[in-house]
Every structure is written in C-alpha cells, then in structure tokens.
Amino acid sequence: MKVKAVSYQIAEGIDLRAFRKGFPAEPAHEEADELFYTVDEDRHLSVLQYGLVSFLNYDDVRAAELLRFMIPYCKHLLEPRLS
C-alpha cells in the first residue's frame, strides 16, 4: 500500500480550541498543543498549535480544502507555506 504524508507550516499559530469546535469530527487524540484525527481507516490529520498541519493519505484537492477551512483559526498566516 502506498502512503502519502505531507506537512505544512501555514501560520505562526492555530487556535486549537476554536478549530476543535468548528471541525466536524472528534479528535482521536488531543493535548493542549495538538489535535490528531482519524478521518477514516487510511486518512489522518494532525494540527499543532504552532501552525503545523500534517496530512496522511490525503489527495491534494482534499488537503487544499482543509487548509482553506483552517484559515479563520490561524494567527499570522505564512505566505508562502513551508512544507
């Protein structure tokens, strides 16, 4: 099975509390500085307080949609994103 993993630093920070309330799934694991979601058996999402987002087995379109969804929760967006 082929696995695709990609991470981006999209901002200087992400408001995890607000993101958790706005995201439609429950985290599989959470800490004060991290949310980890098991979206389905093969796809996972990790969101870190310091602006890092990691995708496992996301296609580029779905990852881009989620990155756009996260913009309101970001503090000081980085352009360009670091990957």
N, C-alpha and C. Protein backbone atom coordinates (compact mmCIF):
# COMPACT_ATOMS: atom_id res chain seq x y z
N MET A 1 0.84 -1.18 0.00
CA MET A 1 0.00 0.00 0.00
C MET A 1 0.88 1.24 0.00
N LYS A 2 0.57 2.18 -0.87
CA LYS A 2 1.32 3.42 -0.97
C LYS A 2 0.78 4.42 0.06
N VAL A 3 1.68 5.08 0.78
CA VAL A 3 1.31 6.06 1.80
C VAL A 3 1.83 7.42 1.39
N LYS A 4 0.97 8.43 1.51
CA LYS A 4 1.38 9.80 1.19
C LYS A 4 1.29 10.62 2.47
N ALA A 5 2.40 11.23 2.86
CA ALA A 5 2.43 12.10 4.04
C ALA A 5 3.00 13.45 3.62
N VAL A 6 2.33 14.52 4.06
CA VAL A 6 2.80 15.87 3.77
C VAL A 6 2.44 16.76 4.96
N SER A 7 3.35 17.69 5.27
CA SER A 7 3.14 18.64 6.36
C SER A 7 3.39 20.04 5.87
N TYR A 8 2.64 20.98 6.41
CA TYR A 8 2.79 22.39 6.07
C TYR A 8 2.80 23.21 7.34
N GLN A 9 3.66 24.20 7.40
CA GLN A 9 3.51 25.21 8.43
C GLN A 9 2.77 26.35 7.75
N ILE A 10 1.54 26.57 8.16
CA ILE A 10 0.67 27.52 7.48
C ILE A 10 0.54 28.85 8.22
N ALA A 11 0.93 28.87 9.48
CA ALA A 11 0.76 30.07 10.29
C ALA A 11 1.73 30.04 11.46
N GLU A 12 1.80 31.16 12.16
CA GLU A 12 2.60 31.18 13.38
C GLU A 12 1.89 30.46 14.51
N GLY A 13 0.58 30.32 14.41
CA GLY A 13 -0.19 29.62 15.42
C GLY A 13 -1.57 29.28 14.91
N ILE A 14 -2.18 28.27 15.53
CA ILE A 14 -3.55 27.85 15.22
C ILE A 14 -4.31 27.76 16.53
N ASP A 15 -5.49 28.36 16.59
CA ASP A 15 -6.34 28.30 17.78
C ASP A 15 -7.01 26.92 17.81
N LEU A 16 -6.41 26.00 18.53
CA LEU A 16 -6.90 24.62 18.55
C LEU A 16 -8.28 24.49 19.18
N ARG A 17 -8.54 25.25 20.21
CA ARG A 17 -9.85 25.17 20.87
C ARG A 17 -10.96 25.55 19.88
N ALA A 18 -10.77 26.64 19.16
CA ALA A 18 -11.77 27.08 18.18
C ALA A 18 -11.84 26.09 17.01
N PHE A 19 -10.69 25.60 16.55
CA PHE A 19 -10.68 24.64 15.44
C PHE A 19 -11.45 23.38 15.84
N ARG A 20 -11.22 22.88 17.03
CA ARG A 20 -11.90 21.67 17.50
C ARG A 20 -13.41 21.85 17.47
N LYS A 21 -13.88 23.03 17.88
CA LYS A 21 -15.33 23.31 17.87
C LYS A 21 -15.88 23.40 16.45
N GLY A 22 -15.07 23.91 15.52
CA GLY A 22 -15.54 24.10 14.15
C GLY A 22 -15.38 22.90 13.24
N PHE A 23 -14.48 21.98 13.59
CA PHE A 23 -14.22 20.82 12.74
C PHE A 23 -15.28 19.75 13.03
N PRO A 24 -15.85 19.12 11.99
CA PRO A 24 -16.98 18.22 12.19
C PRO A 24 -16.66 16.85 12.81
N ALA A 25 -15.41 16.53 13.04
CA ALA A 25 -15.06 15.22 13.61
C ALA A 25 -14.49 15.38 15.01
N GLU A 26 -14.55 14.32 15.78
CA GLU A 26 -13.95 14.30 17.11
C GLU A 26 -12.50 13.84 17.00
N PRO A 27 -11.60 14.47 17.73
CA PRO A 27 -10.21 14.03 17.67
C PRO A 27 -10.03 12.64 18.28
N ALA A 28 -9.16 11.85 17.68
CA ALA A 28 -8.81 10.54 18.22
C ALA A 28 -7.86 10.71 19.41
N HIS A 29 -7.10 11.82 19.38
CA HIS A 29 -6.16 12.14 20.46
C HIS A 29 -6.03 13.64 20.53
N GLU A 30 -5.96 14.17 21.74
CA GLU A 30 -5.75 15.61 21.87
C GLU A 30 -4.90 15.92 23.10
N GLU A 31 -4.11 16.95 22.94
CA GLU A 31 -3.32 17.51 24.03
C GLU A 31 -3.47 19.02 23.93
N ALA A 32 -2.88 19.75 24.84
CA ALA A 32 -3.01 21.20 24.83
C ALA A 32 -2.46 21.82 23.55
N ASP A 33 -1.47 21.18 22.93
CA ASP A 33 -0.83 21.75 21.75
C ASP A 33 -1.00 20.92 20.48
N GLU A 34 -1.88 19.91 20.51
CA GLU A 34 -2.05 19.04 19.34
C GLU A 34 -3.44 18.42 19.29
N LEU A 35 -3.98 18.34 18.06
CA LEU A 35 -5.19 17.57 17.78
C LEU A 35 -4.84 16.55 16.71
N PHE A 36 -5.26 15.30 16.92
CA PHE A 36 -5.00 14.24 15.96
C PHE A 36 -6.34 13.60 15.61
N TYR A 37 -6.64 13.55 14.32
CA TYR A 37 -7.91 12.99 13.85
C TYR A 37 -7.66 11.77 12.99
N THR A 38 -8.45 10.73 13.21
CA THR A 38 -8.52 9.59 12.30
C THR A 38 -9.79 9.81 11.49
N VAL A 39 -9.62 10.28 10.27
CA VAL A 39 -10.76 10.65 9.44
C VAL A 39 -11.46 9.41 8.92
N ASP A 40 -10.69 8.43 8.48
CA ASP A 40 -11.20 7.10 8.17
C ASP A 40 -10.03 6.14 8.37
N GLU A 41 -10.21 4.92 7.99
CA GLU A 41 -9.19 3.89 8.27
C GLU A 41 -7.81 4.27 7.74
N ASP A 42 -7.76 4.96 6.61
CA ASP A 42 -6.47 5.25 5.98
C ASP A 42 -6.04 6.71 6.03
N ARG A 43 -6.93 7.62 6.41
CA ARG A 43 -6.58 9.05 6.39
C ARG A 43 -6.52 9.61 7.80
N HIS A 44 -5.48 10.42 8.03
CA HIS A 44 -5.28 11.03 9.35
C HIS A 44 -4.89 12.49 9.17
N LEU A 45 -5.21 13.29 10.18
CA LEU A 45 -4.93 14.71 10.18
C LEU A 45 -4.37 15.09 11.53
N SER A 46 -3.28 15.83 11.53
CA SER A 46 -2.68 16.33 12.77
C SER A 46 -2.58 17.85 12.67
N VAL A 47 -3.03 18.54 13.71
CA VAL A 47 -3.00 20.00 13.75
C VAL A 47 -2.27 20.40 15.03
N LEU A 48 -1.18 21.16 14.88
CA LEU A 48 -0.38 21.57 16.02
C LEU A 48 -0.56 23.06 16.28
N GLN A 49 -0.54 23.42 17.53
CA GLN A 49 -0.77 24.79 17.97
C GLN A 49 0.17 25.80 17.33
N TYR A 50 1.38 25.38 17.02
CA TYR A 50 2.36 26.32 16.47
C TYR A 50 2.29 26.43 14.95
N GLY A 51 1.14 26.07 14.35
CA GLY A 51 0.88 26.34 12.95
C GLY A 51 1.18 25.22 11.98
N LEU A 52 1.49 24.04 12.46
CA LEU A 52 1.82 22.91 11.59
C LEU A 52 0.60 22.01 11.39
N VAL A 53 0.37 21.63 10.12
CA VAL A 53 -0.72 20.73 9.76
C VAL A 53 -0.12 19.58 8.97
N SER A 54 -0.43 18.34 9.36
CA SER A 54 0.08 17.16 8.66
C SER A 54 -1.07 16.31 8.15
N PHE A 55 -0.92 15.86 6.92
CA PHE A 55 -1.93 15.02 6.27
C PHE A 55 -1.31 13.67 5.94
N LEU A 56 -2.03 12.61 6.23
CA LEU A 56 -1.61 11.26 5.85
C LEU A 56 -2.68 10.69 4.93
N ASN A 57 -2.28 10.37 3.70
CA ASN A 57 -3.16 9.77 2.68
C ASN A 57 -4.30 10.69 2.25
N TYR A 58 -4.04 11.98 2.18
CA TYR A 58 -4.99 12.94 1.63
C TYR A 58 -4.59 13.25 0.20
N ASP A 59 -5.58 13.34 -0.70
CA ASP A 59 -5.25 13.81 -2.04
C ASP A 59 -5.08 15.33 -1.98
N ASP A 60 -4.47 15.89 -3.00
CA ASP A 60 -4.14 17.32 -2.99
C ASP A 60 -5.38 18.20 -2.90
N VAL A 61 -6.47 17.79 -3.53
CA VAL A 61 -7.70 18.59 -3.53
C VAL A 61 -8.28 18.66 -2.13
N ARG A 62 -8.41 17.53 -1.48
CA ARG A 62 -8.99 17.50 -0.12
C ARG A 62 -8.08 18.22 0.87
N ALA A 63 -6.77 18.08 0.75
CA ALA A 63 -5.85 18.78 1.63
C ALA A 63 -6.00 20.29 1.45
N ALA A 64 -6.11 20.75 0.20
CA ALA A 64 -6.28 22.18 -0.07
C ALA A 64 -7.59 22.70 0.52
N GLU A 65 -8.66 21.90 0.43
CA GLU A 65 -9.94 22.29 1.03
C GLU A 65 -9.80 22.47 2.53
N LEU A 66 -9.13 21.54 3.18
CA LEU A 66 -8.95 21.64 4.63
C LEU A 66 -8.06 22.81 5.01
N LEU A 67 -7.04 23.09 4.23
CA LEU A 67 -6.19 24.24 4.51
C LEU A 67 -7.00 25.54 4.42
N ARG A 68 -7.89 25.65 3.43
CA ARG A 68 -8.76 26.83 3.33
C ARG A 68 -9.71 26.91 4.52
N PHE A 69 -10.23 25.76 4.96
CA PHE A 69 -11.11 25.70 6.12
C PHE A 69 -10.41 26.21 7.38
N MET A 70 -9.11 25.98 7.48
CA MET A 70 -8.35 26.34 8.68
C MET A 70 -8.00 27.82 8.78
N ILE A 71 -8.10 28.55 7.70
CA ILE A 71 -7.65 29.95 7.69
C ILE A 71 -8.25 30.79 8.83
N PRO A 72 -9.54 30.70 9.13
CA PRO A 72 -10.08 31.52 10.21
C PRO A 72 -9.49 31.20 11.60
N TYR A 73 -8.90 30.04 11.76
CA TYR A 73 -8.35 29.62 13.04
C TYR A 73 -6.86 29.95 13.18
N CYS A 74 -6.29 30.51 12.14
CA CYS A 74 -4.85 30.77 12.10
C CYS A 74 -4.51 32.17 12.61
N LYS A 75 -3.34 32.24 13.23
CA LYS A 75 -2.79 33.52 13.67
C LYS A 75 -1.55 33.79 12.83
N HIS A 76 -1.57 34.89 12.09
CA HIS A 76 -0.43 35.29 11.27
C HIS A 76 -0.08 34.23 10.22
N LEU A 77 -0.92 34.14 9.21
CA LEU A 77 -0.69 33.20 8.10
C LEU A 77 0.68 33.41 7.48
N LEU A 78 1.30 32.32 7.08
CA LEU A 78 2.59 32.38 6.41
C LEU A 78 2.38 32.25 4.91
N GLU A 79 2.97 33.13 4.16
CA GLU A 79 2.96 33.04 2.70
C GLU A 79 4.39 33.21 2.23
N PRO A 80 4.97 32.31 1.52
CA PRO A 80 4.38 31.01 1.16
C PRO A 80 4.41 30.05 2.35
N ARG A 81 3.60 29.01 2.26
CA ARG A 81 3.61 27.96 3.30
C ARG A 81 4.93 27.21 3.24
N LEU A 82 5.36 26.77 4.39
CA LEU A 82 6.54 25.91 4.44
C LEU A 82 6.09 24.47 4.40
N SER A 83 6.77 23.64 3.60
CA SER A 83 6.37 22.23 3.54
C SER A 83 7.58 21.34 3.68
